[in-house]
Amino acid sequence: MSNKKGTAFRPSNSDKQEMAGRTHQNADILMAIESGRFSSLDELKAMLQSEATLMQALMKCDDVWFTDKNSCIDINHSLALQKQADEAKKSSVAFDLGTFLGDINASIK
């Protein structure tokens, strides 16, 4: 029982995945700081702002995300593929996402 105001709920798999992602991101940032990758807080701030911008753009990618061989999302490649999908949709009345994804996956094997 809790006397705090709010809502208690059973976390979904999506909730757990979100927290796992945040945990990994925090660990990556901590390791980068500890290894001396950033020489100032301004440099760290600039990197975090850049990452936030990329992640916001990724969240707008409705058709395709790309993962590398380690199953990590490649944000820049995902954005490029989404741009290709958007251009293909504009130029083709008969655009088929399944065919588009199949062609991409065939080209990287």
Protein backbone atom coordinates (compact mmCIF):
# COMPACT_ATOMS: atom_id res chain seq x y z
CA MET A 1 0.00 0.00 0.00
CA SER A 2 1.25 3.45 -0.87
CA ASN A 3 0.22 6.89 0.26
CA LYS A 4 1.79 8.57 -2.77
CA LYS A 5 -0.52 10.08 -5.35
CA GLY A 6 -0.34 8.43 -8.73
CA THR A 7 -1.24 5.17 -10.38
CA ALA A 8 0.10 1.70 -9.71
CA PHE A 9 0.09 -0.59 -12.74
CA ARG A 10 1.63 -3.78 -14.04
CA PRO A 11 4.32 -2.83 -16.54
CA SER A 12 3.85 -4.12 -20.06
CA ASN A 13 6.65 -5.56 -22.15
CA SER A 14 6.80 -2.19 -23.93
CA ASP A 15 7.27 -0.43 -20.59
CA LYS A 16 10.08 -2.82 -19.70
CA GLN A 17 11.73 -2.39 -23.10
CA GLU A 18 11.59 1.38 -22.68
CA MET A 19 13.29 1.21 -19.29
CA ALA A 20 15.88 -1.26 -20.58
CA GLY A 21 16.68 1.13 -23.42
CA ARG A 22 17.04 4.05 -21.05
CA THR A 23 19.26 1.99 -18.77
CA HIS A 24 21.56 1.04 -21.66
CA GLN A 25 21.68 4.64 -22.86
CA ASN A 26 22.61 5.86 -19.39
CA ALA A 27 25.34 3.22 -19.15
CA ASP A 28 26.72 4.26 -22.56
CA ILE A 29 26.82 7.92 -21.48
CA LEU A 30 28.50 7.03 -18.19
CA MET A 31 31.18 4.96 -19.96
CA ALA A 32 31.79 7.79 -22.44
CA ILE A 33 32.24 10.28 -19.60
CA GLU A 34 34.52 7.92 -17.65
CA SER A 35 36.67 7.25 -20.72
CA GLY A 36 37.23 10.97 -21.28
CA ARG A 37 35.27 11.22 -24.53
CA PHE A 38 33.88 14.58 -23.45
CA SER A 39 36.20 17.40 -22.47
CA SER A 40 33.42 19.66 -21.19
CA LEU A 41 29.80 19.69 -20.14
CA ASP A 42 29.03 21.74 -23.26
CA GLU A 43 30.40 18.93 -25.42
CA LEU A 44 28.25 16.39 -23.55
CA LYS A 45 25.21 18.66 -23.86
CA ALA A 46 25.73 19.04 -27.62
CA MET A 47 25.93 15.26 -28.05
CA LEU A 48 22.76 14.70 -26.01
CA GLN A 49 20.89 17.36 -28.00
CA SER A 50 22.00 15.76 -31.26
CA GLU A 51 20.91 12.31 -30.05
CA ALA A 52 17.53 13.67 -28.94
CA THR A 53 16.98 15.21 -32.38
CA LEU A 54 17.86 11.93 -34.11
CA MET A 55 15.58 9.91 -31.81
CA GLN A 56 12.68 12.28 -32.43
CA ALA A 57 13.19 11.84 -36.17
CA LEU A 58 13.36 8.06 -35.74
CA MET A 59 10.03 8.04 -33.91
CA LYS A 60 8.47 9.54 -37.05
CA CYS A 61 9.69 6.60 -39.15
CA ASP A 62 6.52 4.56 -39.53
CA ASP A 63 7.61 2.18 -42.27
CA VAL A 64 11.12 0.97 -41.61
CA TRP A 65 13.74 0.77 -38.89
CA PHE A 66 17.12 -0.84 -39.51
CA THR A 67 19.13 -2.89 -37.01
CA ASP A 68 22.78 -3.83 -37.30
CA LYS A 69 24.19 -7.32 -36.84
CA ASN A 70 24.04 -6.84 -33.05
CA SER A 71 20.33 -5.95 -33.24
CA CYS A 72 21.00 -2.31 -32.35
CA ILE A 73 18.90 0.24 -34.17
CA ASP A 74 20.98 2.19 -36.69
CA ILE A 75 19.22 5.54 -36.51
CA ASN A 76 20.95 7.20 -39.46
CA HIS A 77 20.39 4.21 -41.75
CA SER A 78 16.77 3.96 -40.60
CA LEU A 79 16.21 7.62 -41.46
CA ALA A 80 17.78 7.13 -44.89
CA LEU A 81 15.61 4.08 -45.60
CA GLN A 82 12.47 5.91 -44.46
CA LYS A 83 13.36 8.73 -46.86
CA GLN A 84 13.67 6.17 -49.68
CA ALA A 85 10.30 4.67 -48.73
CA ASP A 86 8.68 8.12 -48.69
CA GLU A 87 10.14 8.91 -52.13
CA ALA A 88 8.99 5.55 -53.49
CA LYS A 89 5.47 6.18 -52.18
CA LYS A 90 5.36 9.55 -53.94
CA SER A 91 6.61 8.17 -57.24
CA SER A 92 4.59 4.96 -57.34
CA VAL A 93 0.86 4.46 -57.04
CA ALA A 94 1.48 0.75 -56.40
CA PHE A 95 4.01 1.12 -53.57
CA ASP A 96 4.16 -2.03 -51.45
CA LEU A 97 6.00 -1.83 -48.12
CA GLY A 98 6.58 -5.59 -47.97
CA THR A 99 8.28 -5.56 -51.37
CA PHE A 100 10.30 -2.49 -50.38
CA LEU A 101 11.55 -4.15 -47.18
CA GLY A 102 12.24 -7.42 -49.01
CA ASP A 103 14.33 -5.59 -51.60
CA ILE A 104 16.33 -3.81 -48.89
CA ASN A 105 16.99 -7.01 -46.96
CA ALA A 106 18.00 -8.84 -50.15
CA SER A 107 20.47 -6.07 -51.01
CA ILE A 108 22.31 -6.36 -47.67
CA LYS A 109 22.82 -10.13 -47.67
